[in-house]
Protein backbone atom coordinates (compact mmCIF):
# COMPACT_ATOMS: atom_id res chain seq x y z
CA MET A 1 -67.84 6.27 -9.94
CA ALA A 2 -66.83 6.34 -13.58
CA ASP A 3 -68.30 3.80 -16.00
CA PRO A 4 -65.60 1.19 -16.87
CA ALA A 5 -66.73 1.28 -20.46
CA HIS A 6 -65.65 4.90 -20.69
CA LEU A 7 -62.30 4.46 -18.99
CA PRO A 8 -59.28 4.89 -21.28
CA LYS A 9 -57.81 1.64 -22.50
CA ASN A 10 -54.24 0.56 -21.93
CA PRO A 11 -52.33 1.86 -25.01
CA ALA A 12 -49.71 -0.90 -24.78
CA ARG A 13 -52.38 -3.62 -24.62
CA SER A 14 -54.37 -2.10 -27.48
CA GLY A 15 -51.18 -1.95 -29.53
CA ARG A 16 -50.47 -5.64 -28.92
CA HIS A 17 -54.02 -6.61 -30.00
CA ALA A 18 -53.79 -4.49 -33.15
CA GLY A 19 -50.45 -6.10 -33.96
CA ARG A 20 -51.93 -9.61 -33.56
CA ARG A 21 -54.76 -8.86 -36.03
CA ARG A 22 -52.31 -7.35 -38.51
CA LYS A 23 -50.09 -10.45 -38.41
CA ILE A 24 -53.07 -12.80 -38.90
CA VAL A 25 -54.47 -10.79 -41.82
CA LEU A 26 -51.06 -10.48 -43.49
CA SER A 27 -50.37 -14.21 -43.11
CA GLU A 28 -53.71 -15.11 -44.69
CA SER A 29 -53.42 -12.41 -47.37
CA ALA A 30 -50.15 -13.95 -48.58
CA LEU A 31 -52.00 -17.21 -49.32
CA THR A 32 -54.89 -15.24 -50.89
CA VAL A 33 -52.63 -13.37 -53.32
CA THR A 34 -50.73 -16.52 -54.29
CA LEU A 35 -53.97 -18.50 -54.70
CA PHE A 36 -55.47 -15.70 -56.84
CA LEU A 37 -52.45 -15.68 -59.15
CA THR A 38 -52.57 -19.48 -59.40
CA VAL A 39 -56.28 -19.43 -60.36
CA VAL A 40 -55.68 -16.66 -62.91
CA LEU A 41 -52.93 -18.70 -64.54
CA GLY A 42 -55.25 -21.73 -64.52
CA LEU A 43 -58.04 -19.74 -66.21
CA ILE A 44 -55.64 -18.72 -68.93
CA GLN A 45 -54.98 -22.37 -69.61
CA ASN A 46 -58.54 -23.54 -68.98
CA PRO A 47 -61.28 -20.85 -69.18
CA ARG A 48 -63.84 -23.37 -67.90
CA LEU A 49 -61.93 -23.88 -64.66
CA LEU A 50 -64.43 -22.13 -62.43
CA GLU A 51 -67.25 -24.40 -63.62
CA SER A 52 -66.05 -26.91 -61.04
CA GLY A 53 -68.17 -26.88 -57.88
CA SER A 54 -65.24 -28.08 -55.72
CA ILE A 55 -63.06 -25.19 -56.86
CA LEU A 56 -65.78 -22.68 -56.16
CA ALA A 57 -66.43 -24.24 -52.77
CA GLY A 58 -62.73 -24.06 -51.94
CA LEU A 59 -62.46 -20.44 -53.06
CA LEU A 60 -65.62 -19.50 -51.17
CA LEU A 61 -64.31 -21.21 -48.02
CA HIS A 62 -61.01 -19.34 -48.32
CA LEU A 63 -62.84 -16.00 -48.71
CA VAL A 64 -64.87 -16.80 -45.59
CA VAL A 65 -61.65 -17.54 -43.67
CA LEU A 66 -60.06 -14.30 -44.92
CA THR A 67 -63.17 -12.34 -43.91
CA ALA A 68 -63.06 -13.95 -40.49
CA CYS A 69 -59.39 -12.91 -40.11
CA VAL A 70 -60.40 -9.31 -40.72
CA ALA A 71 -63.66 -9.26 -38.77
CA ILE A 72 -62.95 -11.30 -35.65
CA PRO A 73 -61.93 -9.15 -32.63
CA TRP A 74 -58.79 -11.10 -31.76
CA SER A 75 -58.32 -9.08 -28.57
CA GLY A 76 -60.98 -11.19 -26.86
CA VAL A 77 -60.05 -14.53 -28.43
CA PRO A 78 -57.39 -16.91 -27.06
CA ILE A 79 -54.32 -16.80 -29.26
CA ARG A 80 -54.38 -20.55 -29.96
CA THR A 81 -57.87 -20.21 -31.47
CA ALA A 82 -56.25 -18.61 -34.51
CA LEU A 83 -54.69 -22.00 -35.37
CA ILE A 84 -58.04 -23.07 -36.83
CA ILE A 85 -57.31 -20.74 -39.76
CA PRO A 86 -54.43 -22.78 -41.29
CA LEU A 87 -56.48 -25.96 -40.71
CA MET A 88 -59.38 -24.42 -42.66
CA ASP A 89 -56.89 -23.44 -45.36
CA PHE A 90 -55.95 -27.14 -45.73
CA VAL A 91 -59.63 -27.90 -46.31
CA ALA A 92 -60.06 -25.07 -48.84
CA LEU A 93 -56.94 -26.09 -50.75
CA GLY A 94 -58.16 -29.71 -50.71
CA PHE A 95 -61.44 -28.73 -52.42
CA ILE A 96 -59.60 -26.61 -55.00
CA ARG A 97 -57.04 -29.35 -55.76
CA SER A 98 -59.85 -31.91 -55.99
CA GLY A 99 -61.80 -29.83 -58.53
CA ALA A 100 -58.82 -28.64 -60.56
CA GLY A 101 -57.15 -31.98 -61.09
CA GLU A 102 -54.13 -31.76 -63.38
CA SER A 103 -55.05 -28.25 -64.63
CA LEU A 104 -53.84 -26.71 -61.36
CA SER A 105 -51.10 -29.12 -60.37
CA GLY A 106 -49.26 -26.52 -58.27
CA VAL A 107 -52.15 -26.01 -55.86
CA GLY A 108 -50.67 -28.62 -53.54
CA LEU A 109 -47.57 -26.49 -53.01
CA LEU A 110 -49.78 -23.73 -51.61
CA ALA A 111 -50.16 -25.93 -48.53
CA ALA A 112 -46.74 -24.62 -47.55
CA PHE A 113 -48.50 -21.47 -46.25
CA PRO A 114 -50.61 -23.18 -43.55
CA VAL A 115 -47.69 -25.53 -42.81
CA VAL A 116 -45.41 -22.58 -42.09
CA TRP A 117 -48.20 -20.93 -40.06
CA LEU A 118 -48.58 -24.00 -37.85
CA ALA A 119 -44.82 -24.58 -37.49
CA ALA A 120 -44.19 -20.92 -36.55
CA SER A 121 -47.02 -20.83 -34.00
CA ARG A 122 -46.55 -21.31 -30.25
CA VAL A 123 -47.29 -25.03 -30.24
CA SER A 124 -44.93 -27.91 -29.68
CA THR A 125 -42.95 -29.27 -32.60
CA ALA A 126 -44.80 -32.60 -32.39
CA VAL A 127 -48.21 -30.92 -32.66
CA ALA A 128 -47.09 -28.65 -35.50
CA VAL A 129 -45.48 -31.51 -37.47
CA GLY A 130 -48.43 -33.85 -36.83
CA ALA A 131 -51.00 -31.26 -37.92
CA SER A 132 -48.94 -30.39 -41.00
CA PHE A 133 -48.62 -34.07 -41.97
CA VAL A 134 -52.32 -34.81 -41.49
CA GLY A 135 -53.36 -31.66 -43.34
CA SER A 136 -51.03 -32.25 -46.29
CA VAL A 137 -51.96 -35.94 -46.50
CA SER A 138 -55.64 -34.98 -46.52
CA LEU A 139 -54.83 -32.51 -49.26
CA VAL A 140 -53.55 -35.25 -51.57
CA TRP A 141 -55.85 -38.08 -50.46
CA LEU A 142 -59.11 -36.08 -50.45
CA PRO A 143 -59.23 -35.81 -54.29
CA LEU A 144 -58.64 -39.56 -54.56
CA LEU A 145 -61.48 -40.31 -52.19
CA LEU A 146 -63.85 -37.93 -54.02
CA THR A 147 -63.29 -39.65 -57.41
CA GLY A 148 -65.27 -42.72 -56.37
CA ASP A 149 -62.86 -45.00 -58.29
CA ASP A 150 -61.57 -48.29 -57.03
CA LEU A 151 -58.32 -47.43 -55.28
CA VAL A 152 -55.36 -49.57 -54.33
CA LEU A 153 -52.50 -49.00 -51.92
CA ARG A 154 -50.30 -47.73 -54.72
CA ASP A 155 -52.75 -44.91 -55.44
CA PHE A 156 -52.39 -43.67 -51.87
CA LEU A 157 -48.60 -44.03 -51.67
CA GLN A 158 -47.75 -42.36 -54.95
CA PRO A 159 -48.73 -38.77 -53.97
CA LEU A 160 -47.06 -38.93 -50.51
CA LEU A 161 -43.98 -37.03 -51.70
CA LEU A 162 -45.75 -33.69 -51.20
CA PRO A 163 -46.79 -34.43 -47.59
CA VAL A 164 -43.26 -35.63 -46.79
CA MET A 165 -41.80 -32.42 -48.21
CA LEU A 166 -44.29 -30.27 -46.35
CA THR A 167 -43.68 -32.20 -43.12
CA GLY A 168 -39.92 -31.65 -43.52
CA LEU A 169 -40.65 -27.97 -44.06
CA ALA A 170 -42.70 -27.97 -40.84
CA VAL A 171 -39.83 -29.54 -38.91
CA PHE A 172 -37.36 -27.01 -40.28
CA VAL A 173 -39.57 -23.99 -39.65
CA SER A 174 -40.51 -25.20 -36.16
CA ALA A 175 -36.84 -25.70 -35.19
CA LEU A 176 -35.90 -22.35 -36.69
CA THR A 177 -38.78 -20.65 -34.88
CA ARG A 178 -37.86 -22.23 -31.56
CA ASP A 179 -34.24 -21.15 -31.98
CA ARG A 180 -35.32 -17.61 -32.87
CA ARG A 181 -37.63 -17.49 -29.87
CA SER A 182 -34.87 -18.77 -27.60
CA GLN A 183 -32.62 -16.01 -28.90
CA GLN A 184 -35.38 -13.46 -28.38
CA GLU A 185 -36.01 -14.68 -24.84
CA ALA A 186 -32.29 -14.59 -24.12
CA LEU A 187 -32.13 -11.09 -25.59
CA ARG A 188 -35.11 -9.99 -23.50
CA ALA A 189 -33.56 -11.53 -20.40
CA SER A 190 -30.28 -9.78 -21.19
CA GLN A 191 -32.09 -6.51 -21.76
CA ALA A 192 -34.02 -6.96 -18.52
CA ALA A 193 -30.78 -7.70 -16.65
CA LEU A 194 -29.17 -4.69 -18.30
CA ARG A 195 -32.11 -2.49 -17.32
CA ALA A 196 -31.98 -3.87 -13.77
CA SER A 197 -28.24 -3.31 -13.61
CA SER A 198 -28.63 0.18 -15.04
CA GLU A 199 -31.38 0.99 -12.54
CA ALA A 200 -29.28 -0.44 -9.70
CA GLY A 201 -26.36 1.67 -10.89
CA ARG A 202 -28.56 4.77 -10.94
CA LYS A 203 -29.81 3.95 -7.44
CA ARG A 204 -26.25 3.51 -6.19
CA GLU A 205 -25.28 6.76 -7.88
CA ARG A 206 -28.19 8.57 -6.23
CA LEU A 207 -27.32 6.98 -2.88
CA LEU A 208 -23.66 7.94 -3.24
CA GLY A 209 -24.60 11.47 -4.20
CA THR A 210 -26.97 11.74 -1.23
CA VAL A 211 -24.38 10.38 1.19
CA LEU A 212 -21.63 12.65 -0.12
CA ASP A 213 -23.90 15.68 0.05
CA THR A 214 -24.95 14.75 3.60
CA VAL A 215 -21.50 14.41 5.19
CA ASP A 216 -19.89 17.57 6.51
CA VAL A 217 -16.63 16.84 4.70
CA GLY A 218 -15.64 18.09 1.26
CA VAL A 219 -14.84 15.24 -1.15
CA LEU A 220 -13.07 15.65 -4.49
CA ALA A 221 -12.14 12.82 -6.89
CA VAL A 222 -9.84 13.47 -9.87
CA ASP A 223 -8.56 11.20 -12.63
CA ALA A 224 -4.93 10.52 -13.55
CA ASN A 225 -4.81 13.75 -15.58
CA GLY A 226 -6.10 15.91 -12.73
CA HIS A 227 -9.60 16.39 -14.16
CA ASP A 228 -12.50 16.46 -11.71
CA ILE A 229 -14.58 13.26 -11.61
CA LEU A 230 -16.73 13.93 -8.57
CA MET A 231 -17.27 16.83 -6.18
CA ASN A 232 -19.88 16.91 -3.44
CA ALA A 233 -21.87 19.95 -2.33
CA ARG A 234 -19.61 20.63 0.66
CA GLN A 235 -16.54 20.73 -1.54
CA ARG A 236 -18.23 23.11 -3.97
CA ALA A 237 -18.83 25.46 -1.03
CA VAL A 238 -15.17 25.10 0.02
CA HIS A 239 -14.06 25.88 -3.54
CA ALA A 240 -16.28 28.94 -3.63
CA ALA A 241 -14.91 30.16 -0.27
CA ALA A 242 -11.35 30.00 -1.63
CA SER A 243 -12.17 31.83 -4.87
CA PRO A 244 -10.75 35.33 -5.36
CA PRO A 245 -13.33 38.12 -5.50
CA GLY A 246 -14.80 38.48 -8.99
CA ASN A 247 -13.54 35.05 -10.16
CA ASP A 248 -16.36 32.50 -10.10
CA ASP A 249 -14.38 29.65 -11.70
CA PRO A 250 -10.73 29.86 -10.66
CA ASN A 251 -8.21 27.13 -11.33
CA GLU A 252 -6.12 25.60 -8.56
CA SER A 253 -3.27 28.12 -8.87
CA GLN A 254 -5.70 31.06 -8.52
CA LEU A 255 -7.34 29.87 -5.29
CA LEU A 256 -6.56 31.74 -2.07
CA VAL A 257 -4.59 29.06 -0.21
CA TYR A 258 -2.48 30.20 2.76
CA GLY A 259 0.02 28.54 5.05
CA SER A 260 -0.11 28.25 8.83
CA ASP A 261 0.57 31.99 9.29
CA ARG A 262 -2.69 32.73 7.42
CA GLU A 263 -0.96 35.45 5.42
CA SER A 264 1.51 33.82 3.00
CA LEU A 265 0.02 32.34 -0.15
CA LEU A 266 1.31 28.84 -0.80
CA PRO A 267 3.08 28.36 -4.17
CA PRO A 268 1.00 26.21 -6.55
CA GLU A 269 3.48 23.32 -6.44
CA GLU A 270 3.30 23.18 -2.60
CA ARG A 271 -0.47 23.14 -2.36
CA PRO A 272 -1.95 19.90 -1.03
CA VAL A 273 -4.35 19.36 -3.94
CA ARG A 274 -1.55 19.70 -6.47
CA ARG A 275 0.62 17.25 -4.54
CA ALA A 276 -2.29 14.81 -4.23
CA VAL A 277 -2.98 14.97 -7.97
CA LEU A 278 0.66 14.06 -8.57
CA GLY A 279 0.15 10.88 -6.53
CA GLU A 280 1.28 11.90 -3.04
CA ASP A 281 -0.82 10.52 -0.19
CA LEU A 282 -1.54 13.21 2.41
CA THR A 283 -2.64 12.94 6.01
CA ALA A 284 -4.16 15.91 7.87
CA GLU A 285 -2.33 18.65 5.91
CA GLN A 286 -3.55 21.94 7.39
CA ILE A 287 -4.05 25.05 5.28
CA TRP A 288 -6.17 28.21 5.38
CA LEU A 289 -8.58 29.16 2.60
CA GLY A 290 -10.06 32.55 1.80
CA GLU A 291 -9.49 35.93 3.37
CA GLY A 292 -10.73 38.06 6.23
CA ARG A 293 -13.38 36.84 8.62
CA ASN A 294 -14.47 34.17 6.15
CA GLN A 295 -11.06 32.49 6.22
CA ARG A 296 -11.36 28.78 7.02
CA SER A 297 -8.84 26.20 8.21
CA MET A 298 -8.90 22.89 6.32
CA SER A 299 -7.38 19.53 7.17
CA ILE A 300 -6.67 17.78 3.87
CA SER A 301 -6.09 14.05 3.37
CA SER A 302 -5.81 12.07 0.15
CA ARG A 303 -5.47 8.51 -1.09
CA SER A 304 -4.39 7.41 -4.57
CA MET A 305 -6.50 5.14 -6.76
CA ILE A 306 -4.73 2.26 -8.50
CA ASP A 307 -6.18 0.40 -11.49
CA GLU A 308 -6.01 -3.36 -12.16
CA ASP A 309 -2.60 -2.98 -13.82
CA GLY A 310 -1.16 -1.19 -10.79
CA ALA A 311 -1.02 2.18 -12.57
CA PHE A 312 -2.05 5.48 -10.99
CA ALA A 313 -5.70 6.11 -11.88
CA GLY A 314 -6.43 9.25 -9.88
CA THR A 315 -6.92 10.27 -6.29
CA VAL A 316 -9.64 11.04 -3.75
CA ILE A 317 -9.14 14.12 -1.57
CA SER A 318 -11.08 15.02 1.57
CA PHE A 319 -11.40 18.51 3.05
CA MET A 320 -12.38 18.74 6.72
CA ASP A 321 -13.19 22.12 8.19
CA VAL A 322 -11.17 22.42 11.43
CA THR A 323 -11.51 26.17 11.84
CA ASP A 324 -13.19 25.95 15.23
CA LEU A 325 -10.52 23.55 16.50
CA ALA A 326 -7.68 25.69 15.14
CA LEU A 327 -9.14 28.83 16.70
CA ALA A 328 -9.69 27.01 20.00
CA LEU A 329 -6.06 25.83 20.07
CA GLN A 330 -4.92 29.32 19.21
CA ALA A 331 -7.09 30.69 22.03
CA LYS A 332 -5.53 28.14 24.42
CA ASP A 333 -2.04 29.19 23.35
CA ASP A 334 -2.92 32.86 23.77
CA PHE A 335 -4.47 32.17 27.16
CA LEU A 336 -1.45 30.17 28.27
CA SER A 337 0.92 32.89 27.12
CA ASN A 338 -1.08 35.62 28.87
CA VAL A 339 -1.41 33.65 32.11
CA SER A 340 2.30 32.83 32.07
CA HIS A 341 3.10 36.52 31.78
CA GLU A 342 0.74 37.25 34.67
CA PHE A 343 2.47 34.64 36.85
CA ARG A 344 5.78 36.43 36.63
CA THR A 345 4.92 39.33 38.96
CA PRO A 346 3.70 37.33 42.00
CA LEU A 347 6.50 34.78 41.55
CA THR A 348 9.10 37.53 41.52
CA SER A 349 7.60 38.89 44.74
CA ILE A 350 7.52 35.44 46.40
CA LEU A 351 11.12 34.71 45.49
CA GLY A 352 12.24 38.11 46.65
CA TYR A 353 10.68 37.77 50.10
CA LEU A 354 11.93 34.20 50.46
CA GLU A 355 15.47 35.27 49.71
CA LEU A 356 15.22 38.26 52.12
CA THR A 357 13.86 36.01 54.86
CA MET A 358 16.56 33.41 54.35
CA GLU A 359 19.33 36.05 54.28
CA SER A 360 18.14 37.76 57.46
CA GLY A 361 16.88 34.66 59.25
CA GLU A 362 20.06 33.33 60.86
CA SER A 363 18.17 32.69 64.12
CA LEU A 364 15.57 30.51 62.37
CA PRO A 365 15.60 26.83 63.37
CA ALA A 366 17.40 24.48 61.01
CA ALA A 367 14.15 22.71 60.11
CA VAL A 368 12.54 26.02 59.13
CA GLN A 369 15.60 26.90 57.09
CA GLY A 370 15.18 23.57 55.28
CA TYR A 371 11.52 24.26 54.62
CA MET A 372 12.39 27.71 53.31
CA GLU A 373 15.00 26.22 51.01
CA VAL A 374 12.50 23.70 49.62
CA ALA A 375 9.94 26.49 49.10
CA ARG A 376 12.55 28.65 47.37
CA ARG A 377 13.68 25.77 45.12
CA ASN A 378 10.12 24.98 44.08
CA ALA A 379 9.34 28.66 43.51
CA LEU A 380 12.37 28.83 41.24
CA ARG A 381 11.13 25.76 39.38
CA LEU A 382 7.68 27.32 39.07
CA GLU A 383 9.32 30.40 37.63
CA GLN A 384 11.24 28.15 35.25
CA LEU A 385 7.97 26.44 34.31
CA VAL A 386 6.46 29.81 33.37
CA GLU A 387 9.53 30.58 31.27
CA ASP A 388 9.29 27.14 29.63
CA LEU A 389 5.66 27.64 28.68
CA LEU A 390 6.55 30.95 27.07
CA ALA A 391 9.54 29.36 25.34
CA ILE A 392 7.49 26.44 24.00
CA ASN A 393 4.90 28.81 22.55
CA ALA A 394 7.64 30.96 21.06
CA GLY A 395 9.69 27.96 19.85
CA THR A 396 12.80 29.10 21.79
CA PHE A 397 13.09 26.22 24.28
CA GLU A 398 16.77 25.41 25.02
CA VAL A 399 18.89 23.11 27.16
CA ARG A 400 22.52 23.48 28.22
CA ARG A 401 24.22 20.14 28.64
CA GLU A 402 27.02 19.69 31.19
CA GLN A 403 28.35 17.14 33.64
CA CYS A 404 25.98 16.77 36.55
CA ASP A 405 25.26 14.46 39.47
CA VAL A 406 22.14 12.55 38.46
CA GLY A 407 21.98 10.86 41.86
CA ARG A 408 21.81 14.25 43.59
CA ILE A 409 19.12 15.45 41.17
CA LEU A 410 16.92 12.43 41.91
CA SER A 411 17.54 12.76 45.66
CA ASP A 412 16.48 16.41 45.64
CA ALA A 413 13.39 15.53 43.56
CA ALA A 414 12.40 12.84 46.06
CA SER A 415 12.97 15.24 48.96
CA SER A 416 10.85 17.97 47.34
CA VAL A 417 7.82 15.75 46.84
CA ARG A 418 8.08 13.73 50.07
CA VAL A 419 5.76 15.95 52.13
CA LYS A 420 3.08 15.87 49.46
CA ALA A 421 3.54 12.10 49.06
CA GLN A 422 3.20 11.51 52.80
CA ARG A 423 -0.08 13.42 52.85
CA ALA A 424 -1.32 11.21 50.00
CA GLY A 425 -0.16 8.04 51.77
CA VAL A 426 2.39 7.25 49.07
CA GLU A 427 5.97 6.13 49.73
CA VAL A 428 8.80 7.54 47.57
CA VAL A 429 11.82 5.23 47.16
CA ASN A 430 15.02 6.57 45.58
CA SER A 431 16.99 3.59 44.24
CA SER A 432 19.40 5.61 42.12
CA PRO A 433 23.11 5.28 42.98
CA PRO A 434 24.73 8.38 44.55
CA GLY A 435 27.42 10.16 42.60
CA LEU A 436 26.13 9.00 39.19
CA ILE A 437 27.74 11.43 36.72
CA ALA A 438 26.09 12.09 33.36
CA VAL A 439 25.86 14.80 30.71
CA ALA A 440 22.57 16.73 30.86
CA ASP A 441 21.09 20.08 31.73
CA PRO A 442 20.76 19.63 35.51
CA GLY A 443 17.91 22.13 35.89
CA ARG A 444 15.97 20.72 32.94
CA LEU A 445 16.52 17.11 34.02
CA ALA A 446 15.35 17.96 37.53
CA GLN A 447 12.29 19.66 36.06
CA ALA A 448 11.47 16.59 33.94
CA VAL A 449 11.85 14.22 36.91
CA ASP A 450 9.78 16.55 39.13
CA ASN A 451 6.94 16.45 36.59
CA LEU A 452 6.98 12.64 36.45
CA ILE A 453 7.10 12.26 40.24
CA SER A 454 4.33 14.82 40.72
CA ASN A 455 2.09 12.89 38.32
CA ALA A 456 3.00 9.62 40.05
CA VAL A 457 1.82 11.07 43.37
CA LYS A 458 -1.40 12.53 41.94
CA TYR A 459 -2.44 9.36 40.16
CA ASN A 460 -1.34 6.90 42.85
CA ARG A 461 -3.35 5.27 45.59
CA ARG A 462 -2.98 5.38 49.36
CA GLY A 463 -0.42 2.75 50.34
CA GLY A 464 1.22 2.89 46.91
CA THR A 465 4.88 3.44 46.12
CA ILE A 466 6.99 5.50 43.70
CA THR A 467 10.43 4.20 42.79
CA LEU A 468 13.21 6.28 41.18
CA GLN A 469 15.93 4.48 39.28
CA ALA A 470 18.89 5.70 37.22
CA VAL A 471 21.57 3.69 35.43
CA THR A 472 24.05 4.14 32.61
CA ASP A 473 23.57 1.67 29.79
CA GLY A 474 26.45 1.95 27.31
CA ASP A 475 26.42 5.52 26.03
CA CYS A 476 22.94 6.20 27.35
CA LEU A 477 21.58 7.45 30.68
CA ARG A 478 18.32 5.75 31.62
CA VAL A 479 16.07 7.28 34.29
CA GLU A 480 12.87 5.50 35.35
CA VAL A 481 9.94 6.64 37.49
CA ILE A 482 7.86 3.61 38.51
CA ASP A 483 4.53 3.90 40.34
CA THR A 484 1.81 1.56 41.55
CA GLY A 485 -0.99 3.94 40.63
CA ILE A 486 -4.20 3.70 38.64
CA GLY A 487 -2.42 3.16 35.33
CA ILE A 488 -3.26 4.41 31.85
CA ASP A 489 -5.62 2.83 29.32
CA ALA A 490 -3.93 1.40 26.22
CA ALA A 491 -6.04 3.68 24.00
CA ASP A 492 -4.61 6.77 25.77
CA LEU A 493 -0.92 5.81 25.82
CA SER A 494 -0.19 7.36 22.42
CA GLN A 495 -1.63 10.74 23.54
CA VAL A 496 -0.24 11.20 27.05
CA PHE A 497 2.49 13.56 25.81
CA ASP A 498 0.11 15.72 23.74
CA ARG A 499 -0.65 19.29 24.73
CA PHE A 500 -3.60 19.66 27.12
CA PHE A 501 -4.36 15.94 26.95
CA ARG A 502 -6.06 14.36 29.95
CA SER A 503 -7.66 10.93 29.76
CA PRO A 504 -11.46 10.70 30.16
CA SER A 505 -11.14 8.87 33.49
CA VAL A 506 -8.87 11.63 34.87
CA ARG A 507 -11.12 14.44 33.61
CA THR A 508 -14.03 13.00 35.58
CA SER A 509 -11.93 12.69 38.76
CA THR A 510 -10.99 15.39 41.28
CA VAL A 511 -7.29 15.29 40.32
CA PRO A 512 -6.31 18.81 39.16
CA GLY A 513 -4.22 19.49 36.06
CA VAL A 514 -4.18 21.09 32.62
CA GLY A 515 -2.22 18.47 30.63
CA LEU A 516 1.08 20.37 30.16
CA GLY A 517 3.54 18.63 32.49
CA LEU A 518 4.25 15.66 30.22
CA LEU A 519 4.46 17.94 27.18
CA ILE A 520 7.21 19.97 28.87
CA THR A 521 8.94 16.78 29.99
CA LYS A 522 8.92 15.41 26.46
CA THR A 523 10.23 18.72 25.09
CA ILE A 524 13.11 18.64 27.60
CA VAL A 525 14.03 15.08 26.62
CA ILE A 526 13.81 15.79 22.87
CA GLU A 527 16.03 18.87 23.25
CA HIS A 528 18.60 16.56 24.87
CA GLY A 529 18.39 14.34 21.79
CA GLY A 530 16.79 11.60 23.86
CA THR A 531 13.53 9.70 24.04
CA ILE A 532 10.79 9.18 26.61
CA SER A 533 8.40 6.24 26.70
CA VAL A 534 5.72 4.84 28.96
CA THR A 535 4.37 1.39 29.73
CA SER A 536 1.27 1.00 31.82
CA GLU A 537 -1.40 -1.42 32.93
CA PRO A 538 -4.67 -0.10 34.36
CA GLY A 539 -4.96 -0.93 38.05
CA VAL A 540 -1.30 -1.96 38.29
CA GLY A 541 0.78 1.14 37.60
CA SER A 542 2.97 2.95 35.08
CA THR A 543 6.67 3.21 34.23
CA PHE A 544 8.05 6.32 32.51
CA THR A 545 11.53 5.85 31.03
CA ILE A 546 13.86 8.69 29.95
CA ARG A 547 16.86 7.86 27.77
CA LEU A 548 19.51 10.56 27.22
CA PRO A 549 22.49 9.93 24.91
CA GLN A 550 25.99 10.46 26.35
CA ASP A 551 29.02 11.48 24.31
CA GLY A 552 32.05 9.16 24.39
CA GLU A 553 34.47 11.40 26.34
CA ILE A 554 32.13 11.97 29.27
CA ALA A 555 31.10 8.31 29.24
CA GLY A 556 34.73 7.28 29.48
CA GLU A 557 35.36 9.64 32.42
CA ARG A 558 32.22 8.30 34.08
CA ARG A 559 33.42 4.69 33.76
CA LYS A 560 36.88 5.66 35.02
CA SER A 561 35.45 7.39 38.10
CA GLY A 562 33.25 4.36 38.73
CA GLU A 563 36.24 2.00 38.61
CA THR A 564 38.18 4.21 41.06
CA ALA A 565 35.24 4.27 43.46
CA ASN A 566 34.92 0.50 43.29
CA ALA A 567 38.64 0.08 43.97
């Protein structure tokens, strides 16, 4: 183990001790220089001045005190011990003033040095003032006592002006010192708070940088002028992926930013970042960055920053890589398109043989003929479903509106699903009025209702019911499919019409499906210019409501036919 005596000392502590000695020596040296000049001036006036034993004793005592200031290792001495020095100076000045008499009348004023020392030290004002008063009084009374003359009260009171002045000086210096120390302590406290705040700010900055570099989302913050304020590591990688070959620091207009077709470069003014910088708030704007196999799909969102005055102060933009999701959706679309094409051949064969059988089967029983007709109708609807899937992918979905019997459409839909419903133990009730005339595409409307009824059967319970209702409400046709099934969770209601959506509870069940029926139904309704909505309560059931607008002429004919029927 190393010897402690040979260990390096603390530089800061050594510096403080050296500074303490320097202050003590300088404080005492100021009195020494002034006292030396005073004695020199006294010798000029009285060459026999140093013949006085009191003066020599005072000078010798002061030299001893000065030597002690230089020689004493103040690093090992309590700081208050140094206060003995100004007290010894009072004694030395008392001997000098006693021996000099009137020849050195200004010696008493030199007591201001120890007075200031005491008042500026780290003692209370009362102690400093008391010590200064006692020392200065001793300074003026000691010569009187050493004379041996008969003294009266007047002799003691007459020289008190100097002690009073020195005591006032002690009060002033002590107050000034305390005020200066209070300011220094306040400054040190402020500096400490500033350092703590600065360190806390640096810690928060490091934490923010670590968090931003950890998340798998690109983050870019820009000021009101479009200059970058912050960019995390993920965003730097995104920026690099969108850079043209050979350009390591492109500006926004030079980046390879493509639209949804992945081939057409977006004009600079249409690019999401440019729009966000101009103050537009974006939500899930999808673009493609880069070229070739390294091309990535990004979902971009942004939110503006507003300062205290309500002015635009910049914006924060996030870049989420959704390439895998985009490619998966594209693969689903491709798969759906390919499967739909493959369905056409067997469906054509099924329909062909059904039609041949029905044309040549005059001897078939009526019930069989009915079954064949239901099979043919559903095969035709399946064929229409395949065509619809292809049309939705291609964006060519159409409806042809005409007058049709909504009551007949709902009756046929109920008849088509009745066998399946009976097997599931579900009752289908058609409450729609017969002969209800409305304007719609009869095939498309039947397809939409079939989808809703089919879902109502699949997600119902044994002993449950499905109710079909249709009514004209003003210039609107309202069709409702009401079931007493398992219901839909509130969190899933907003997604039931999305492509391929199936709720978690359904995915874990044995109910088959791919999540396209409600999408097609919604597309049919939207193409009619209508709306579709759903209300549901888990464990109670669901109600799907279709609303199709009706033009005035057809609505008037419908009301007229209704009045005639009622008459």
